[in-house]
Amino acid sequence: MLAARDHVGFAEVLDQAFVMLHAGLAIHTFTMNAAASLGRHLDVRSQVRSF
């Protein structure tokens, strides 16, 4: 279980659904590119406008 761990790597959460900030924002682009660099695609279930 990921919640019980002190540290979780980004690659370890790529099988989970994501809630992301709106497309076009820097953090969205950064996260999508980070997943792509690992040969993966994010399962974005919802996009929000702010934290």
PDB file of N, CA and C in Angstrom:
ATOM      1  N   MET A   1       0.837  -1.169   0.000  1.00  0.00           N
ATOM      2  CA  MET A   1       0.000   0.000   0.000  1.00  0.00           C
ATOM      3  C   MET A   1       0.893   1.248   0.000  1.00  0.00           C
ATOM      4  N   LEU A   2       0.639   2.131  -0.938  1.00  0.00           N
ATOM      5  CA  LEU A   2       1.458   3.326  -1.073  1.00  0.00           C
ATOM      6  C   LEU A   2       1.315   4.281   0.116  1.00  0.00           C
ATOM      7  N   ALA A   3       0.141   4.386   0.674  1.00  0.00           N
ATOM      8  CA  ALA A   3      -0.098   5.339   1.762  1.00  0.00           C
ATOM      9  C   ALA A   3       0.704   5.014   3.012  1.00  0.00           C
ATOM     10  N   ALA A   4       1.071   3.784   3.194  1.00  0.00           N
ATOM     11  CA  ALA A   4       1.803   3.375   4.397  1.00  0.00           C
ATOM     12  C   ALA A   4       3.307   3.626   4.278  1.00  0.00           C
ATOM     13  N   ARG A   5       3.768   4.010   3.102  1.00  0.00           N
ATOM     14  CA  ARG A   5       5.202   4.188   2.876  1.00  0.00           C
ATOM     15  C   ARG A   5       5.639   5.625   3.130  1.00  0.00           C
ATOM     16  N   ASP A   6       6.899   5.782   3.543  1.00  0.00           N
ATOM     17  CA  ASP A   6       7.460   7.112   3.771  1.00  0.00           C
ATOM     18  C   ASP A   6       7.786   7.819   2.459  1.00  0.00           C
ATOM     19  N   HIS A   7       8.229   7.084   1.469  1.00  0.00           N
ATOM     20  CA  HIS A   7       8.634   7.653   0.180  1.00  0.00           C
ATOM     21  C   HIS A   7       8.055   6.795  -0.940  1.00  0.00           C
ATOM     22  N   VAL A   8       7.579   7.459  -1.971  1.00  0.00           N
ATOM     23  CA  VAL A   8       7.038   6.780  -3.149  1.00  0.00           C
ATOM     24  C   VAL A   8       7.595   7.496  -4.370  1.00  0.00           C
ATOM     25  N   GLY A   9       8.192   6.743  -5.273  1.00  0.00           N
ATOM     26  CA  GLY A   9       8.727   7.329  -6.494  1.00  0.00           C
ATOM     27  C   GLY A   9       7.631   7.615  -7.509  1.00  0.00           C
ATOM     28  N   PHE A  10       7.879   8.589  -8.362  1.00  0.00           N
ATOM     29  CA  PHE A  10       6.903   8.971  -9.385  1.00  0.00           C
ATOM     30  C   PHE A  10       6.502   7.778 -10.248  1.00  0.00           C
ATOM     31  N   ALA A  11       7.466   6.986 -10.673  1.00  0.00           N
ATOM     32  CA  ALA A  11       7.173   5.832 -11.533  1.00  0.00           C
ATOM     33  C   ALA A  11       6.243   4.833 -10.850  1.00  0.00           C
ATOM     34  N   GLU A  12       6.258   4.813  -9.536  1.00  0.00           N
ATOM     35  CA  GLU A  12       5.417   3.869  -8.791  1.00  0.00           C
ATOM     36  C   GLU A  12       3.942   4.262  -8.750  1.00  0.00           C
ATOM     37  N   VAL A  13       3.631   5.509  -9.046  1.00  0.00           N
ATOM     38  CA  VAL A  13       2.233   5.952  -8.986  1.00  0.00           C
ATOM     39  C   VAL A  13       1.586   6.060 -10.367  1.00  0.00           C
ATOM     40  N   LEU A  14       2.306   5.719 -11.395  1.00  0.00           N
ATOM     41  CA  LEU A  14       1.782   5.895 -12.748  1.00  0.00           C
ATOM     42  C   LEU A  14       0.627   4.963 -13.090  1.00  0.00           C
ATOM     43  N   ASP A  15       0.403   3.939 -12.311  1.00  0.00           N
ATOM     44  CA  ASP A  15      -0.749   3.063 -12.539  1.00  0.00           C
ATOM     45  C   ASP A  15      -2.007   3.580 -11.846  1.00  0.00           C
ATOM     46  N   GLN A  16      -1.877   4.669 -11.101  1.00  0.00           N
ATOM     47  CA  GLN A  16      -3.004   5.256 -10.375  1.00  0.00           C
ATOM     48  C   GLN A  16      -3.660   6.349 -11.213  1.00  0.00           C
ATOM     49  N   ALA A  17      -4.927   6.646 -10.912  1.00  0.00           N
ATOM     50  CA  ALA A  17      -5.627   7.753 -11.560  1.00  0.00           C
ATOM     51  C   ALA A  17      -5.113   9.071 -10.977  1.00  0.00           C
ATOM     52  N   PHE A  18      -5.040  10.095 -11.808  1.00  0.00           N
ATOM     53  CA  PHE A  18      -4.533  11.395 -11.393  1.00  0.00           C
ATOM     54  C   PHE A  18      -5.626  12.455 -11.448  1.00  0.00           C
ATOM     55  N   VAL A  19      -5.567  13.385 -10.504  1.00  0.00           N
ATOM     56  CA  VAL A  19      -6.307  14.643 -10.569  1.00  0.00           C
ATOM     57  C   VAL A  19      -5.252  15.691 -10.867  1.00  0.00           C
ATOM     58  N   MET A  20      -5.393  16.378 -11.973  1.00  0.00           N
ATOM     59  CA  MET A  20      -4.358  17.308 -12.444  1.00  0.00           C
ATOM     60  C   MET A  20      -4.907  18.722 -12.521  1.00  0.00           C
ATOM     61  N   LEU A  21      -3.980  19.667 -12.451  1.00  0.00           N
ATOM     62  CA  LEU A  21      -4.352  21.036 -12.756  1.00  0.00           C
ATOM     63  C   LEU A  21      -4.627  21.137 -14.253  1.00  0.00           C
ATOM     64  N   HIS A  22      -5.325  22.171 -14.635  1.00  0.00           N
ATOM     65  CA  HIS A  22      -5.785  22.378 -16.003  1.00  0.00           C
ATOM     66  C   HIS A  22      -4.653  22.256 -17.025  1.00  0.00           C
ATOM     67  N   ALA A  23      -4.948  21.650 -18.152  1.00  0.00           N
ATOM     68  CA  ALA A  23      -3.974  21.505 -19.243  1.00  0.00           C
ATOM     69  C   ALA A  23      -3.475  22.876 -19.680  1.00  0.00           C
ATOM     70  N   GLY A  24      -2.214  22.956 -20.005  1.00  0.00           N
ATOM     71  CA  GLY A  24      -1.608  24.200 -20.427  1.00  0.00           C
ATOM     72  C   GLY A  24      -0.804  24.869 -19.321  1.00  0.00           C
ATOM     73  N   LEU A  25      -1.059  24.486 -18.076  1.00  0.00           N
ATOM     74  CA  LEU A  25      -0.265  25.019 -16.977  1.00  0.00           C
ATOM     75  C   LEU A  25       1.063  24.282 -16.913  1.00  0.00           C
ATOM     76  N   ALA A  26       2.076  24.960 -16.415  1.00  0.00           N
ATOM     77  CA  ALA A  26       3.429  24.395 -16.403  1.00  0.00           C
ATOM     78  C   ALA A  26       3.498  23.071 -15.652  1.00  0.00           C
ATOM     79  N   ILE A  27       2.834  22.950 -14.518  1.00  0.00           N
ATOM     80  CA  ILE A  27       2.913  21.710 -13.739  1.00  0.00           C
ATOM     81  C   ILE A  27       2.255  20.543 -14.485  1.00  0.00           C
ATOM     82  N   HIS A  28       1.207  20.830 -15.240  1.00  0.00           N
ATOM     83  CA  HIS A  28       0.546  19.794 -16.045  1.00  0.00           C
ATOM     84  C   HIS A  28       1.501  19.305 -17.130  1.00  0.00           C
ATOM     85  N   THR A  29       2.101  20.245 -17.839  1.00  0.00           N
ATOM     86  CA  THR A  29       3.045  19.895 -18.901  1.00  0.00           C
ATOM     87  C   THR A  29       4.238  19.135 -18.345  1.00  0.00           C
ATOM     88  N   PHE A  30       4.788  19.603 -17.221  1.00  0.00           N
ATOM     89  CA  PHE A  30       5.933  18.945 -16.596  1.00  0.00           C
ATOM     90  C   PHE A  30       5.603  17.498 -16.221  1.00  0.00           C
ATOM     91  N   THR A  31       4.448  17.286 -15.606  1.00  0.00           N
ATOM     92  CA  THR A  31       4.055  15.949 -15.158  1.00  0.00           C
ATOM     93  C   THR A  31       3.806  15.014 -16.338  1.00  0.00           C
ATOM     94  N   MET A  32       3.128  15.521 -17.357  1.00  0.00           N
ATOM     95  CA  MET A  32       2.880  14.695 -18.546  1.00  0.00           C
ATOM     96  C   MET A  32       4.198  14.325 -19.234  1.00  0.00           C
ATOM     97  N   ASN A  33       5.126  15.278 -19.312  1.00  0.00           N
ATOM     98  CA  ASN A  33       6.431  15.013 -19.927  1.00  0.00           C
ATOM     99  C   ASN A  33       7.255  14.040 -19.089  1.00  0.00           C
ATOM    100  N   ALA A  34       7.154  14.139 -17.776  1.00  0.00           N
ATOM    101  CA  ALA A  34       7.881  13.211 -16.905  1.00  0.00           C
ATOM    102  C   ALA A  34       7.384  11.780 -17.116  1.00  0.00           C
ATOM    103  N   ALA A  35       6.085  11.605 -17.230  1.00  0.00           N
ATOM    104  CA  ALA A  35       5.531  10.277 -17.499  1.00  0.00           C
ATOM    105  C   ALA A  35       5.960   9.788 -18.877  1.00  0.00           C
ATOM    106  N   ALA A  36       5.906  10.657 -19.865  1.00  0.00           N
ATOM    107  CA  ALA A  36       6.299  10.280 -21.227  1.00  0.00           C
ATOM    108  C   ALA A  36       7.761   9.877 -21.292  1.00  0.00           C
ATOM    109  N   SER A  37       8.608  10.539 -20.507  1.00  0.00           N
ATOM    110  CA  SER A  37      10.028  10.194 -20.519  1.00  0.00           C
ATOM    111  C   SER A  37      10.274   8.799 -19.962  1.00  0.00           C
ATOM    112  N   LEU A  38       9.305   8.289 -19.199  1.00  0.00           N
ATOM    113  CA  LEU A  38       9.382   6.922 -18.684  1.00  0.00           C
ATOM    114  C   LEU A  38       8.626   5.941 -19.579  1.00  0.00           C
ATOM    115  N   GLY A  39       8.145   6.459 -20.717  1.00  0.00           N
ATOM    116  CA  GLY A  39       7.400   5.614 -21.652  1.00  0.00           C
ATOM    117  C   GLY A  39       5.998   5.296 -21.167  1.00  0.00           C
ATOM    118  N   ARG A  40       5.451   6.171 -20.346  1.00  0.00           N
ATOM    119  CA  ARG A  40       4.131   5.928 -19.750  1.00  0.00           C
ATOM    120  C   ARG A  40       3.170   7.056 -20.097  1.00  0.00           C
ATOM    121  N   HIS A  41       1.906   6.819 -19.842  1.00  0.00           N
ATOM    122  CA  HIS A  41       0.839   7.791 -20.055  1.00  0.00           C
ATOM    123  C   HIS A  41       0.056   7.920 -18.761  1.00  0.00           C
ATOM    124  N   LEU A  42      -0.317   9.134 -18.397  1.00  0.00           N
ATOM    125  CA  LEU A  42      -1.085   9.341 -17.172  1.00  0.00           C
ATOM    126  C   LEU A  42      -2.569   9.104 -17.410  1.00  0.00           C
ATOM    127  N   ASP A  43      -3.210   8.475 -16.445  1.00  0.00           N
ATOM    128  CA  ASP A  43      -4.661   8.318 -16.444  1.00  0.00           C
ATOM    129  C   ASP A  43      -5.225   9.525 -15.696  1.00  0.00           C
ATOM    130  N   VAL A  44      -5.508  10.602 -16.437  1.00  0.00           N
ATOM    131  CA  VAL A  44      -6.026  11.817 -15.826  1.00  0.00           C
ATOM    132  C   VAL A  44      -7.541  11.682 -15.750  1.00  0.00           C
ATOM    133  N   ARG A  45      -8.057  11.550 -14.543  1.00  0.00           N
ATOM    134  CA  ARG A  45      -9.489  11.362 -14.337  1.00  0.00           C
ATOM    135  C   ARG A  45     -10.240  12.670 -14.214  1.00  0.00           C
ATOM    136  N   SER A  46      -9.540  13.688 -13.733  1.00  0.00           N
ATOM    137  CA  SER A  46     -10.196  14.980 -13.529  1.00  0.00           C
ATOM    138  C   SER A  46      -9.156  16.079 -13.638  1.00  0.00           C
ATOM    139  N   GLN A  47      -9.595  17.243 -14.132  1.00  0.00           N
ATOM    140  CA  GLN A  47      -8.725  18.415 -14.180  1.00  0.00           C
ATOM    141  C   GLN A  47      -9.408  19.540 -13.412  1.00  0.00           C
ATOM    142  N   VAL A  48      -8.614  20.225 -12.607  1.00  0.00           N
ATOM    143  CA  VAL A  48      -9.146  21.319 -11.792  1.00  0.00           C
ATOM    144  C   VAL A  48      -8.434  22.611 -12.150  1.00  0.00           C
ATOM    145  N   ARG A  49      -9.024  23.741 -11.807  1.00  0.00           N
ATOM    146  CA  ARG A  49      -8.455  25.037 -12.154  1.00  0.00           C
ATOM    147  C   ARG A  49      -7.435  25.550 -11.144  1.00  0.00           C
ATOM    148  N   SER A  50      -7.518  25.082  -9.890  1.00  0.00           N
ATOM    149  CA  SER A  50      -6.591  25.551  -8.871  1.00  0.00           C
ATOM    150  C   SER A  50      -6.467  24.505  -7.770  1.00  0.00           C
ATOM    151  N   PHE A  51      -5.517  24.734  -6.876  1.00  0.00           N
ATOM    152  CA  PHE A  51      -5.330  23.830  -5.753  1.00  0.00           C
ATOM    153  C   PHE A  51      -6.508  23.923  -4.823  1.00  0.00           C
TER     154      PHE A  51
END
